[in-house]
Amino acid sequence: MKKIKITQVKSAIDRPERQKRTLVALGLTKMHATKEVEANPQILGMVRAVNHLLKIEEIAE
């Protein structure tokens, strides 16, 4: 399955609680934190909800 690398580039301060919880669910708790995750429909939906706070890169396998 395809993997993506997500990096938090904007703060969650002054964002709705739902967006803050989405970032935590993705494993991003601090600025410039990076995670490699599987690109399944559930993860892609969460990424789409907070894409204005993230930098997304595809990982070539």
Protein backbone atom coordinates (compact mmCIF):
# COMPACT_ATOMS: atom_id res chain seq x y z
CA MET A 1 0.00 0.00 0.00
CA LYS A 2 1.13 3.56 -0.68
CA LYS A 3 2.69 5.57 2.15
CA ILE A 4 2.69 9.31 2.74
CA LYS A 5 4.81 11.52 4.97
CA ILE A 6 2.88 14.22 6.82
CA THR A 7 4.50 17.14 8.63
CA GLN A 8 2.70 19.69 10.78
CA VAL A 9 3.74 23.15 9.55
CA LYS A 10 1.11 25.37 11.22
CA SER A 11 -0.02 25.56 14.82
CA ALA A 12 -3.24 24.09 16.14
CA ILE A 13 -3.74 27.11 18.42
CA ASP A 14 -7.03 28.94 17.70
CA ARG A 15 -8.31 25.99 15.65
CA PRO A 16 -11.56 24.14 16.36
CA GLU A 17 -11.31 21.27 18.85
CA ARG A 18 -12.19 18.79 16.12
CA GLN A 19 -9.11 19.77 14.10
CA LYS A 20 -6.90 19.52 17.20
CA ARG A 21 -8.19 15.99 17.87
CA THR A 22 -7.60 15.04 14.23
CA LEU A 23 -3.96 16.10 14.48
CA VAL A 24 -3.52 14.01 17.65
CA ALA A 25 -5.17 11.03 15.94
CA LEU A 26 -2.65 11.37 13.11
CA GLY A 27 0.14 11.33 15.71
CA LEU A 28 1.14 14.97 15.33
CA THR A 29 1.43 16.77 18.66
CA LYS A 30 4.11 19.40 18.01
CA MET A 31 5.13 21.78 15.26
CA HIS A 32 7.36 20.22 12.59
CA ALA A 33 6.54 16.71 13.81
CA THR A 34 6.67 14.16 10.97
CA LYS A 35 4.93 10.80 10.60
CA GLU A 36 4.92 8.18 7.87
CA VAL A 37 1.48 6.62 7.51
CA GLU A 38 -0.32 4.24 5.16
CA ALA A 39 -2.48 6.06 2.62
CA ASN A 40 -5.78 4.31 3.36
CA PRO A 41 -9.17 6.05 2.98
CA GLN A 42 -9.50 6.78 6.72
CA ILE A 43 -6.10 8.48 6.95
CA LEU A 44 -6.63 10.40 3.71
CA GLY A 45 -9.94 11.72 5.06
CA MET A 46 -8.25 12.97 8.23
CA VAL A 47 -5.43 14.54 6.21
CA ARG A 48 -7.96 16.28 3.95
CA ALA A 49 -9.72 17.75 7.02
CA VAL A 50 -6.53 19.45 8.28
CA ASN A 51 -4.51 19.82 5.06
CA HIS A 52 -4.15 23.57 5.66
CA LEU A 53 -1.97 22.72 8.70
CA LEU A 54 0.13 20.01 7.03
CA LYS A 55 2.76 19.40 4.37
CA ILE A 56 2.09 16.11 2.57
CA GLU A 57 4.65 14.13 0.58
CA GLU A 58 4.31 10.77 -1.16
CA ILE A 59 6.97 8.19 -0.37
CA ALA A 60 8.30 6.18 -3.29
CA GLU A 61 8.68 2.53 -2.36
